[in-house]
Amino acid sequence: MLLVRVLPSVAFVAAMLCAATLAADAAETAKQTAQIDLTQWPLGDIASVRDDPFGVLVKYGYTLFSDTANQIGPTVADPARRFAGNNLACGNCHLQAGSQPYAMPLVGVWGQFPQYRAREGAVDTLEDRINGCMERSMNGRSLPPLSREMRAFSSYVRWLSTGIPDGAKLVGAGTLQIKEPARAADGGHGAQVFAQTCAPCHGMDGLGQRAATGAGYQFPPLWGPDSFNSGPGMSRLLTAAAYAMHNMPIGTTFSAPVLTEEEAYDVAAYFIGQKRPEMANLDKDFPVRLQKPIDTPYGPYADQFSPEQHKFGPFEPIRAKVRELAAQSRTEKAGEPDNGSAEPDRAR
């Protein structure tokens, strides 16, 4: 009788061990597949999109993305559709129709929302994020949530994200961190880099080159009245430097940069230091002050450093102070996103 009672227990334990092993294997597999490398991700062809209701919206979203000025820009015939306040295209920053790694790609973005956004201090929807771009990078106004334009933009992002699991870790998203020099940026040197490397496309005056036909630009302005305003991430030095190093001149990719880190750092300081449209109410951004990126060029700040140092560096003293304050207050995600670092272990 004792043997009869023991054997089921052994079998039960063995079954439980087997189940635990399978569960661990499944968890490990899930963990592995949750990371998507966008530098290797196969992209769909917009020409293959069908003409069903979803496909029609996807293709309209692609058109809005690549031909923004002629579709919803400030000179379109219907005043009600003048949502963008400048003649940029979304694709001027999100390169290759939003698919180029480390050029702020939209591939996989569908599954990243809703997400907490420090700039608003709230959980944002994808539509909130799109309107953030409309109001800042496009210096315009929000799209109505149920408008055809908003549905088209979100459908295009969804199509770009086909096959990527929701919440996946995206390698190649955003911009690629740089190792910034341990000094303030030198705009004078940046002007020299701009003249040599950037001006052939963007012009010595930084006002870009217009498209051959219609509104829009072949090469966008980097400052001036038709550029992005003072509110988007590209107005921050470390973000601008990371973007420039790994994507510029046009045709450059992250794996073969043309600019050095010092050149990118200084040229970014040069062009973010130029005049551009001012966005109102920026003091309301980042209500949790310690979550404000260290290179945000406008206050208020949680630390004692000046707007000038926040704009042009050096950034390591700010970074260290923000860490100290964050540890004291147990604030998460302090000083992020931080697209540069003077520390070797955080370099690319």
Protein backbone atom coordinates (compact mmCIF):
# COMPACT_ATOMS: atom_id res chain seq x y z
CA MET A 1 0.00 0.00 0.00
CA LEU A 2 2.84 2.35 0.76
CA LEU A 3 4.35 1.75 -2.68
CA VAL A 4 1.02 2.40 -4.34
CA ARG A 5 0.74 5.70 -2.55
CA VAL A 6 4.31 6.76 -3.33
CA LEU A 7 4.27 6.06 -7.07
CA PRO A 8 1.56 8.60 -7.94
CA SER A 9 3.53 11.21 -5.99
CA VAL A 10 6.67 10.48 -7.99
CA ALA A 11 4.71 10.62 -11.22
CA PHE A 12 3.09 13.85 -10.15
CA VAL A 13 6.45 15.41 -9.27
CA ALA A 14 7.91 14.28 -12.60
CA ALA A 15 4.96 15.73 -14.47
CA MET A 16 5.30 19.00 -12.60
CA LEU A 17 9.01 19.16 -13.35
CA CYS A 18 8.33 18.48 -17.01
CA ALA A 19 5.64 21.18 -17.10
CA ALA A 20 7.95 23.64 -15.36
CA THR A 21 10.70 22.90 -17.88
CA LEU A 22 8.32 23.42 -20.79
CA ALA A 23 7.04 26.65 -19.25
CA ALA A 24 10.60 27.89 -18.72
CA ASP A 25 11.47 27.01 -22.31
CA ALA A 26 8.36 28.80 -23.54
CA ALA A 27 9.17 31.83 -21.42
CA GLU A 28 12.72 31.90 -22.73
CA THR A 29 11.48 31.60 -26.31
CA ALA A 30 9.00 34.42 -25.71
CA LYS A 31 11.75 36.49 -24.17
CA GLN A 32 13.97 35.92 -27.20
CA THR A 33 11.26 36.70 -29.75
CA ALA A 34 10.24 39.86 -27.86
CA GLN A 35 13.35 41.64 -29.19
CA ILE A 36 13.11 42.76 -32.81
CA ASP A 37 16.16 44.02 -34.70
CA LEU A 38 14.86 46.66 -37.09
CA THR A 39 18.22 46.75 -38.86
CA GLN A 40 17.43 43.24 -40.14
CA TRP A 41 13.64 43.43 -40.32
CA PRO A 42 12.14 42.71 -43.78
CA LEU A 43 9.91 45.56 -44.90
CA GLY A 44 6.69 45.36 -46.87
CA ASP A 45 6.19 46.99 -50.25
CA ILE A 46 3.55 49.72 -50.27
CA ALA A 47 2.68 48.69 -53.84
CA SER A 48 1.52 45.32 -52.51
CA VAL A 49 -1.15 46.85 -50.26
CA ARG A 50 -4.63 45.83 -51.36
CA ASP A 51 -7.47 48.21 -52.18
CA ASP A 52 -9.72 47.04 -49.34
CA PRO A 53 -10.87 49.66 -46.77
CA PHE A 54 -7.79 49.20 -44.58
CA GLY A 55 -5.44 49.22 -47.55
CA VAL A 56 -6.94 52.45 -48.91
CA LEU A 57 -6.24 54.11 -45.56
CA VAL A 58 -2.71 52.70 -45.46
CA LYS A 59 -1.92 54.10 -48.90
CA TYR A 60 -3.42 57.47 -48.02
CA GLY A 61 -1.32 57.46 -44.86
CA TYR A 62 1.78 56.80 -46.96
CA THR A 63 0.85 59.73 -49.21
CA LEU A 64 0.31 62.01 -46.21
CA PHE A 65 3.64 60.89 -44.79
CA SER A 66 5.69 61.40 -47.94
CA ASP A 67 3.86 64.39 -49.47
CA THR A 68 2.67 66.18 -46.36
CA ALA A 69 2.91 69.75 -47.62
CA ASN A 70 0.80 69.11 -50.71
CA GLN A 71 -1.80 67.14 -48.76
CA ILE A 72 -2.30 69.00 -45.48
CA GLY A 73 0.21 71.86 -45.65
CA PRO A 74 -0.35 75.60 -45.20
CA THR A 75 -1.04 76.28 -48.89
CA VAL A 76 -3.57 73.54 -49.75
CA ALA A 77 -6.78 74.81 -51.36
CA ASP A 78 -9.14 73.77 -48.57
CA PRO A 79 -8.38 75.83 -45.42
CA ALA A 80 -9.97 73.13 -43.25
CA ARG A 81 -7.23 70.69 -44.32
CA ARG A 82 -4.32 72.99 -43.52
CA PHE A 83 -3.10 71.02 -40.52
CA ALA A 84 0.67 71.41 -41.01
CA GLY A 85 2.02 74.89 -40.36
CA ASN A 86 5.14 74.43 -42.47
CA ASN A 87 6.01 72.75 -45.76
CA LEU A 88 8.02 69.89 -44.33
CA ALA A 89 7.10 66.25 -44.90
CA CYS A 90 7.03 63.63 -42.16
CA GLY A 91 9.55 61.72 -44.26
CA ASN A 92 12.08 64.57 -43.99
CA CYS A 93 12.96 63.30 -40.51
CA HIS A 94 11.56 59.75 -40.48
CA LEU A 95 13.67 58.63 -43.44
CA GLN A 96 12.80 56.00 -46.04
CA ALA A 97 9.08 56.55 -45.43
CA GLY A 98 9.53 55.87 -41.72
CA SER A 99 11.53 52.67 -42.06
CA GLN A 100 15.22 53.63 -41.73
CA PRO A 101 16.75 52.28 -38.49
CA TYR A 102 17.95 54.93 -36.05
CA ALA A 103 16.21 57.64 -38.10
CA MET A 104 13.25 57.59 -35.70
CA PRO A 105 11.53 54.76 -37.62
CA LEU A 106 7.84 53.99 -37.17
CA VAL A 107 8.27 50.25 -37.72
CA GLY A 108 6.90 48.46 -34.66
CA VAL A 109 5.58 51.68 -33.12
CA TRP A 110 1.97 50.47 -33.32
CA GLY A 111 2.59 47.96 -30.52
CA GLN A 112 4.36 50.46 -28.27
CA PHE A 113 1.21 52.43 -27.45
CA PRO A 114 -0.46 53.34 -25.18
CA GLN A 115 2.71 54.35 -23.34
CA TYR A 116 3.73 56.75 -20.59
CA ARG A 117 5.28 59.89 -22.06
CA ALA A 118 7.28 62.11 -19.75
CA ARG A 119 6.69 65.19 -21.90
CA GLU A 120 2.97 65.05 -21.08
CA GLY A 121 3.42 63.26 -17.77
CA ALA A 122 0.61 60.95 -18.85
CA VAL A 123 -0.17 57.79 -20.79
CA ASP A 124 -0.47 58.72 -24.47
CA THR A 125 -2.18 56.98 -27.34
CA LEU A 126 -0.60 56.68 -30.76
CA GLU A 127 -2.96 59.44 -31.90
CA ASP A 128 -1.64 61.71 -29.12
CA ARG A 129 1.89 61.05 -30.33
CA ILE A 130 1.01 61.81 -33.95
CA ASN A 131 -0.54 65.10 -32.88
CA GLY A 132 2.60 65.90 -30.91
CA CYS A 133 4.47 65.79 -34.21
CA MET A 134 1.79 67.87 -35.92
CA GLU A 135 2.05 70.62 -33.31
CA ARG A 136 5.83 70.60 -32.93
CA SER A 137 7.77 69.23 -35.88
CA MET A 138 5.12 70.41 -38.34
CA ASN A 139 4.45 73.62 -36.38
CA GLY A 140 0.75 73.10 -37.00
CA ARG A 141 -2.42 71.95 -35.28
CA SER A 142 -3.88 68.68 -34.07
CA LEU A 143 -5.72 66.29 -36.34
CA PRO A 144 -9.22 65.45 -35.10
CA PRO A 145 -9.05 61.93 -33.60
CA LEU A 146 -11.69 60.50 -35.96
CA SER A 147 -10.59 62.37 -39.08
CA ARG A 148 -9.66 60.45 -42.20
CA GLU A 149 -6.14 61.88 -41.92
CA MET A 150 -5.63 60.58 -38.41
CA ARG A 151 -7.03 57.18 -39.30
CA ALA A 152 -4.74 57.09 -42.32
CA PHE A 153 -1.62 57.95 -40.33
CA SER A 154 -2.39 55.34 -37.68
CA SER A 155 -3.24 52.72 -40.34
CA TYR A 156 0.09 53.36 -42.06
CA VAL A 157 1.95 52.90 -38.75
CA ARG A 158 0.00 49.71 -38.14
CA TRP A 159 0.93 48.39 -41.59
CA LEU A 160 4.61 49.26 -41.05
CA SER A 161 4.43 47.27 -37.80
CA THR A 162 3.00 44.12 -39.39
CA GLY A 163 4.43 40.98 -37.75
CA ILE A 164 6.05 42.74 -34.79
CA PRO A 165 4.67 41.66 -31.39
CA ASP A 166 3.08 44.31 -29.21
CA GLY A 167 5.52 45.60 -26.62
CA ALA A 168 8.57 44.14 -28.35
CA LYS A 169 11.96 45.68 -27.61
CA LEU A 170 12.93 47.43 -30.84
CA VAL A 171 16.63 47.53 -31.70
CA GLY A 172 17.12 50.35 -34.18
CA ALA A 173 14.28 52.52 -32.87
CA GLY A 174 14.70 56.22 -32.14
CA THR A 175 18.24 57.49 -32.58
CA LEU A 176 21.54 55.81 -31.77
CA GLN A 177 23.29 57.16 -28.67
CA ILE A 178 26.59 58.97 -29.15
CA LYS A 179 29.53 59.51 -26.83
CA GLU A 180 29.53 63.27 -26.54
CA PRO A 181 32.69 65.28 -25.84
CA ALA A 182 33.17 66.28 -22.20
CA ARG A 183 32.77 69.98 -23.03
CA ALA A 184 30.26 72.52 -24.18
CA ALA A 185 29.44 72.27 -27.87
CA ASP A 186 31.36 74.63 -30.16
CA GLY A 187 28.94 76.33 -32.53
CA GLY A 188 31.82 78.06 -34.36
CA HIS A 189 33.31 74.70 -35.28
CA GLY A 190 29.80 73.50 -36.04
CA ALA A 191 29.39 76.29 -38.58
CA GLN A 192 32.50 75.05 -40.39
CA VAL A 193 31.19 71.48 -40.42
CA PHE A 194 27.84 72.75 -41.69
CA ALA A 195 29.44 74.70 -44.54
CA GLN A 196 31.48 71.71 -45.63
CA THR A 197 29.06 68.84 -45.13
CA CYS A 198 25.49 70.11 -44.76
CA ALA A 199 25.22 73.26 -46.88
CA PRO A 200 25.40 71.45 -50.26
CA CYS A 201 21.90 70.13 -49.53
CA HIS A 202 20.40 72.45 -46.91
CA GLY A 203 21.98 75.67 -48.25
CA MET A 204 24.40 78.00 -46.50
CA ASP A 205 21.39 79.85 -45.13
CA GLY A 206 19.95 76.59 -43.75
CA LEU A 207 16.64 77.19 -45.53
CA GLY A 208 16.73 74.03 -47.63
CA GLN A 209 16.02 73.36 -51.28
CA ARG A 210 12.45 73.38 -52.57
CA ALA A 211 10.98 70.46 -54.48
CA ALA A 212 10.93 70.76 -58.26
CA THR A 213 7.13 70.89 -58.29
CA GLY A 214 4.45 71.71 -55.76
CA ALA A 215 5.03 72.60 -52.14
CA GLY A 216 7.57 70.81 -49.99
CA TYR A 217 11.29 70.37 -50.09
CA GLN A 218 13.83 68.17 -51.75
CA PHE A 219 16.06 68.99 -48.76
CA PRO A 220 14.31 70.54 -45.74
CA PRO A 221 15.19 73.75 -43.91
CA LEU A 222 16.97 73.25 -40.60
CA TRP A 223 15.90 76.61 -39.22
CA GLY A 224 13.88 79.65 -40.24
CA PRO A 225 10.14 80.25 -40.48
CA ASP A 226 9.36 77.06 -42.42
CA SER A 227 11.25 74.67 -40.15
CA PHE A 228 10.26 72.73 -37.04
CA ASN A 229 9.52 74.87 -34.01
CA SER A 230 11.19 75.01 -30.59
CA GLY A 231 9.18 72.12 -29.12
CA PRO A 232 10.19 68.77 -30.73
CA GLY A 233 12.98 66.41 -29.78
CA MET A 234 15.09 67.63 -32.71
CA SER A 235 15.49 70.94 -30.89
CA ARG A 236 17.65 69.11 -28.31
CA LEU A 237 21.38 68.96 -28.98
CA LEU A 238 22.05 65.32 -28.13
CA THR A 239 19.08 64.10 -30.16
CA ALA A 240 20.05 66.28 -33.13
CA ALA A 241 23.68 65.16 -32.91
CA ALA A 242 22.76 61.46 -32.71
CA TYR A 243 20.44 61.85 -35.69
CA ALA A 244 22.95 63.82 -37.76
CA MET A 245 25.83 61.45 -37.10
CA HIS A 246 23.96 58.30 -38.08
CA ASN A 247 21.85 59.61 -40.97
CA MET A 248 23.55 62.59 -42.57
CA PRO A 249 24.50 63.53 -45.24
CA ILE A 250 21.48 61.89 -46.85
CA GLY A 251 22.24 58.29 -47.74
CA THR A 252 24.38 57.76 -44.62
CA THR A 253 23.43 54.89 -42.34
CA PHE A 254 24.27 54.17 -38.70
CA SER A 255 26.79 51.50 -39.67
CA ALA A 256 29.00 53.87 -41.69
CA PRO A 257 28.78 57.42 -40.28
CA VAL A 258 30.43 60.29 -42.13
CA LEU A 259 30.60 62.70 -39.20
CA THR A 260 32.66 62.07 -36.09
CA GLU A 261 31.00 62.42 -32.70
CA GLU A 262 32.69 65.80 -32.16
CA GLU A 263 31.57 67.06 -35.56
CA ALA A 264 28.01 65.90 -35.02
CA TYR A 265 27.96 67.44 -31.53
CA ASP A 266 29.15 70.82 -32.77
CA VAL A 267 27.10 71.00 -35.96
CA ALA A 268 23.98 70.15 -33.98
CA ALA A 269 24.74 73.05 -31.66
CA TYR A 270 25.10 75.31 -34.67
CA PHE A 271 21.75 74.55 -36.24
CA ILE A 272 19.65 74.23 -33.07
CA GLY A 273 21.05 77.63 -32.08
CA GLN A 274 19.42 79.34 -35.08
CA LYS A 275 16.06 81.12 -35.03
CA ARG A 276 12.93 79.07 -35.61
CA PRO A 277 9.23 79.36 -34.72
CA GLU A 278 8.58 79.46 -30.99
CA MET A 279 6.04 77.05 -29.51
CA ALA A 280 3.85 78.43 -26.74
CA ASN A 281 3.43 76.95 -23.26
CA LEU A 282 6.61 74.87 -23.23
CA ASP A 283 6.82 75.46 -19.48
CA LYS A 284 4.00 72.92 -19.16
CA ASP A 285 6.12 70.16 -20.71
CA PHE A 286 7.59 67.49 -18.41
CA PRO A 287 5.49 68.09 -15.29
CA VAL A 288 7.81 65.67 -13.47
CA ARG A 289 10.83 67.95 -13.83
CA LEU A 290 13.43 65.24 -13.19
CA GLN A 291 12.10 63.34 -16.20
CA LYS A 292 12.99 66.25 -18.48
CA PRO A 293 15.84 65.25 -20.84
CA ILE A 294 19.09 66.80 -19.71
CA ASP A 295 19.52 68.67 -23.02
CA THR A 296 16.05 70.24 -23.08
CA PRO A 297 16.76 73.84 -24.12
CA TYR A 298 13.89 75.38 -22.14
CA GLY A 299 13.02 75.42 -18.43
CA PRO A 300 11.92 75.09 -15.78
CA TYR A 301 14.42 72.54 -14.48
CA ALA A 302 14.75 70.49 -11.32
CA ASP A 303 18.45 71.36 -11.02
CA GLN A 304 20.45 74.58 -10.73
CA PHE A 305 22.08 74.57 -14.16
CA SER A 306 21.40 77.36 -16.64
CA PRO A 307 19.31 77.10 -19.82
CA GLU A 308 22.54 77.77 -21.74
CA GLN A 309 24.24 74.71 -20.26
CA HIS A 310 21.15 72.58 -20.75
CA LYS A 311 21.16 73.64 -24.40
CA PHE A 312 24.86 73.38 -25.27
CA GLY A 313 26.51 71.38 -22.48
CA PRO A 314 28.68 70.17 -20.94
CA PHE A 315 26.07 67.61 -19.97
CA GLU A 316 27.83 65.26 -17.58
CA PRO A 317 27.53 67.61 -14.57
CA ILE A 318 23.78 67.90 -15.28
CA ARG A 319 23.50 64.14 -15.74
CA ALA A 320 25.24 63.49 -12.40
CA LYS A 321 23.06 65.97 -10.54
CA VAL A 322 19.85 64.57 -12.04
CA ARG A 323 20.90 61.07 -10.94
CA GLU A 324 21.54 62.32 -7.43
CA LEU A 325 18.17 64.06 -7.20
CA ALA A 326 16.40 61.08 -8.75
CA ALA A 327 17.94 58.72 -6.18
CA GLN A 328 16.78 60.96 -3.35
CA SER A 329 13.23 61.19 -4.67
CA ARG A 330 13.08 57.69 -6.20
CA THR A 331 12.12 59.16 -9.57
CA GLU A 332 12.22 56.72 -12.46
CA LYS A 333 13.38 57.55 -16.00
CA ALA A 334 15.12 60.72 -14.83
CA GLY A 335 16.85 62.75 -17.54
CA GLU A 336 15.55 60.57 -20.37
CA PRO A 337 15.69 60.16 -23.27
CA ASP A 338 19.42 60.74 -23.07
CA ASN A 339 20.95 60.33 -26.53
CA GLY A 340 24.53 60.97 -25.53
CA SER A 341 26.93 60.10 -22.78
CA ALA A 342 30.46 60.91 -21.74
CA GLU A 343 30.72 57.57 -19.94
CA PRO A 344 32.55 54.72 -21.73
CA ASP A 345 30.05 52.10 -20.60
CA ARG A 346 27.21 54.03 -22.21
CA ALA A 347 28.95 54.74 -25.50
CA ARG A 348 27.71 53.13 -28.68
